[in-house]
Protein backbone atom coordinates (compact mmCIF):
# COMPACT_ATOMS: atom_id res chain seq x y z
CA MET A 1 8.51 12.36 -15.10
CA PRO A 2 12.14 11.70 -14.41
CA HIS A 3 14.43 12.73 -17.20
CA VAL A 4 17.89 11.23 -18.18
CA SER A 5 20.67 13.45 -19.55
CA LYS A 6 20.85 13.03 -23.29
CA GLN A 7 24.66 12.42 -23.44
CA LYS A 8 24.83 8.60 -23.17
CA LEU A 9 27.33 6.77 -21.07
CA GLY A 10 29.41 4.09 -22.34
CA ASP A 11 28.27 0.48 -21.78
CA GLU A 12 31.03 -0.19 -19.43
CA VAL A 13 30.41 2.83 -17.11
CA MET A 14 26.39 1.84 -17.24
CA GLU A 15 27.68 -1.60 -16.11
CA LYS A 16 29.65 -0.10 -13.10
CA LEU A 17 27.07 2.52 -11.85
CA PHE A 18 24.11 -0.44 -11.93
CA ASN A 19 26.66 -2.53 -9.93
CA GLN A 20 27.46 -0.08 -7.30
CA LEU A 21 23.52 0.64 -7.16
CA PHE A 22 22.66 -2.84 -6.48
CA LYS A 23 25.67 -3.62 -4.19
CA THR A 24 24.26 -0.39 -1.98
CA ILE A 25 20.80 -1.75 -1.88
CA GLU A 26 22.28 -5.66 -1.22
CA LYS A 27 24.01 -4.30 1.62
CA ALA A 28 20.97 -2.52 3.47
CA SER A 29 20.34 -5.90 4.61
CA ASP A 30 16.99 -5.14 6.96
CA LYS A 31 13.96 -3.42 6.23
CA ARG A 32 14.22 -0.35 8.21
CA ALA A 33 17.99 0.42 6.28
CA ILE A 34 16.46 -0.66 2.68
CA LYS A 35 13.70 1.90 3.46
CA TYR A 36 15.91 4.56 4.42
CA VAL A 37 18.27 3.76 1.29
CA ALA A 38 15.48 3.84 -1.01
CA SER A 39 13.90 7.18 0.85
CA GLU A 40 17.34 8.75 0.41
CA LEU A 41 18.08 7.59 -3.37
CA PHE A 42 14.72 7.69 -5.02
CA THR A 43 12.87 10.92 -5.48
CA ARG A 44 9.05 11.17 -4.58
CA THR A 45 8.19 10.56 -8.05
CA GLU A 46 10.60 7.91 -8.94
CA LYS A 47 8.97 5.95 -5.52
CA ILE A 48 5.51 6.45 -7.14
CA MET A 49 6.51 5.50 -10.40
CA LEU A 50 8.29 2.42 -9.30
CA ALA A 51 5.41 1.37 -6.78
CA LYS A 52 2.62 1.79 -9.66
CA ARG A 53 4.59 -0.27 -12.08
CA LEU A 54 5.22 -3.06 -9.18
CA THR A 55 1.41 -2.77 -8.33
CA SER A 56 0.63 -3.07 -11.89
CA ILE A 57 2.80 -5.99 -12.40
CA LEU A 58 1.44 -8.12 -9.80
CA LEU A 59 -2.33 -6.96 -9.96
CA LEU A 60 -1.99 -8.31 -14.03
CA ASP A 61 -0.27 -11.52 -12.51
CA LYS A 62 -3.11 -12.26 -10.38
CA GLY A 63 -5.74 -11.72 -13.50
CA ALA A 64 -6.93 -8.41 -12.38
CA PRO A 65 -8.90 -6.43 -15.08
CA GLN A 66 -6.57 -3.99 -17.09
CA HIS A 67 -9.15 -1.20 -17.12
CA VAL A 68 -9.42 -1.19 -13.44
CA ILE A 69 -5.98 -1.13 -12.51
CA SER A 70 -5.56 1.86 -15.21
CA GLU A 71 -8.56 3.66 -13.31
CA GLN A 72 -7.39 3.15 -9.91
CA LEU A 73 -4.01 3.72 -10.41
CA TYR A 74 -4.24 6.61 -12.40
CA MET A 75 -2.10 4.94 -15.32
CA SER A 76 -2.81 5.27 -18.99
CA PRO A 77 -4.47 2.19 -20.53
CA SER A 78 -1.80 1.78 -23.14
CA THR A 79 0.87 1.48 -20.12
CA ILE A 80 -1.32 -1.29 -18.66
CA ALA A 81 -1.83 -2.87 -21.91
CA LYS A 82 2.26 -2.63 -22.42
CA THR A 83 3.00 -4.53 -19.22
CA ALA A 84 0.49 -7.00 -19.46
CA LEU A 85 2.16 -7.61 -23.15
CA LYS A 86 5.61 -7.91 -21.40
CA ILE A 87 4.22 -10.47 -18.73
CA GLU A 88 3.06 -12.59 -21.75
CA ASN A 89 6.22 -12.40 -23.14
CA GLY A 90 8.05 -13.89 -20.12
CA LYS A 91 9.14 -10.48 -18.69
CA TYR A 92 9.03 -9.67 -14.78
CA ARG A 93 9.27 -13.07 -14.25
CA ALA A 94 11.74 -12.41 -11.27
CA ILE A 95 9.34 -9.81 -9.68
CA ARG A 96 6.80 -12.22 -9.89
CA ASN A 97 8.43 -15.32 -8.44
CA ILE A 98 9.87 -13.05 -5.48
CA SER A 99 6.18 -11.84 -4.50
CA GLY A 100 4.61 -14.78 -4.54
CA VAL A 101 6.18 -14.88 -0.80
CA TRP A 102 4.70 -11.89 0.21
CA ARG A 103 1.68 -12.00 -2.33
CA GLY A 104 -1.13 -12.67 0.55
CA ASP A 105 -1.39 -9.36 2.35
CA PHE A 106 -0.20 -6.95 -0.04
CA LEU A 107 -2.41 -8.03 -3.12
CA ASP A 108 -5.40 -8.76 -1.11
CA ALA A 109 -5.23 -4.79 0.54
CA ILE A 110 -4.61 -3.55 -2.90
CA GLU A 111 -7.51 -5.73 -4.31
CA HIS A 112 -9.66 -4.58 -1.61
CA PHE A 113 -8.90 -0.85 -2.66
CA LEU A 114 -9.49 -1.63 -6.10
CA LEU A 115 -12.47 -3.09 -5.92
CA MET A 116 -14.23 -0.53 -3.55
CA GLY A 117 -17.47 0.69 -5.07
CA MET A 118 -17.65 -2.61 -7.60
CA PRO A 119 -20.62 -5.00 -7.84
CA PRO A 120 -20.36 -7.85 -5.59
CA ARG A 121 -18.04 -10.74 -7.13
CA VAL A 122 -20.38 -13.80 -6.35
CA GLY A 123 -22.53 -15.74 -8.76
CA ARG A 124 -21.12 -16.31 -12.16
CA GLY A 125 -21.59 -12.94 -14.42
CA ARG A 126 -18.58 -11.09 -15.32
CA TRP A 127 -16.79 -11.79 -11.93
CA GLY A 128 -16.83 -15.42 -12.47
CA LYS A 129 -13.09 -15.60 -13.81
CA TRP A 130 -11.84 -13.40 -11.07
CA HIS A 131 -13.84 -15.15 -8.29
CA ARG A 132 -12.29 -18.59 -9.27
């Protein structure tokens, strides 16, 4: 898990740091450049953590069961529950809006991966809501 120094930076310094981070990512205009910037900037652990968080947000938004997300992404049930609560309270709105553009292929692939070995979703039963 990434650790942050216990010494606190001032609000003004933090604002400048975040602005520089976002400007750097923004200047990497094409997909390849963004990928290289992210690869150089983030550690493997940070990339995994961010990818899992993003995937859990998108799957919760789509209505995937929390326990399935928790089990398949190896995230604690409490982390998934907290994320679901944040979504209910209106957080992650920008991510959910942006993701609508490319939601199809990515989420279809993730859904297929998550549901491997699960019973078929046809019929009414427990998969009725998911099927609709």
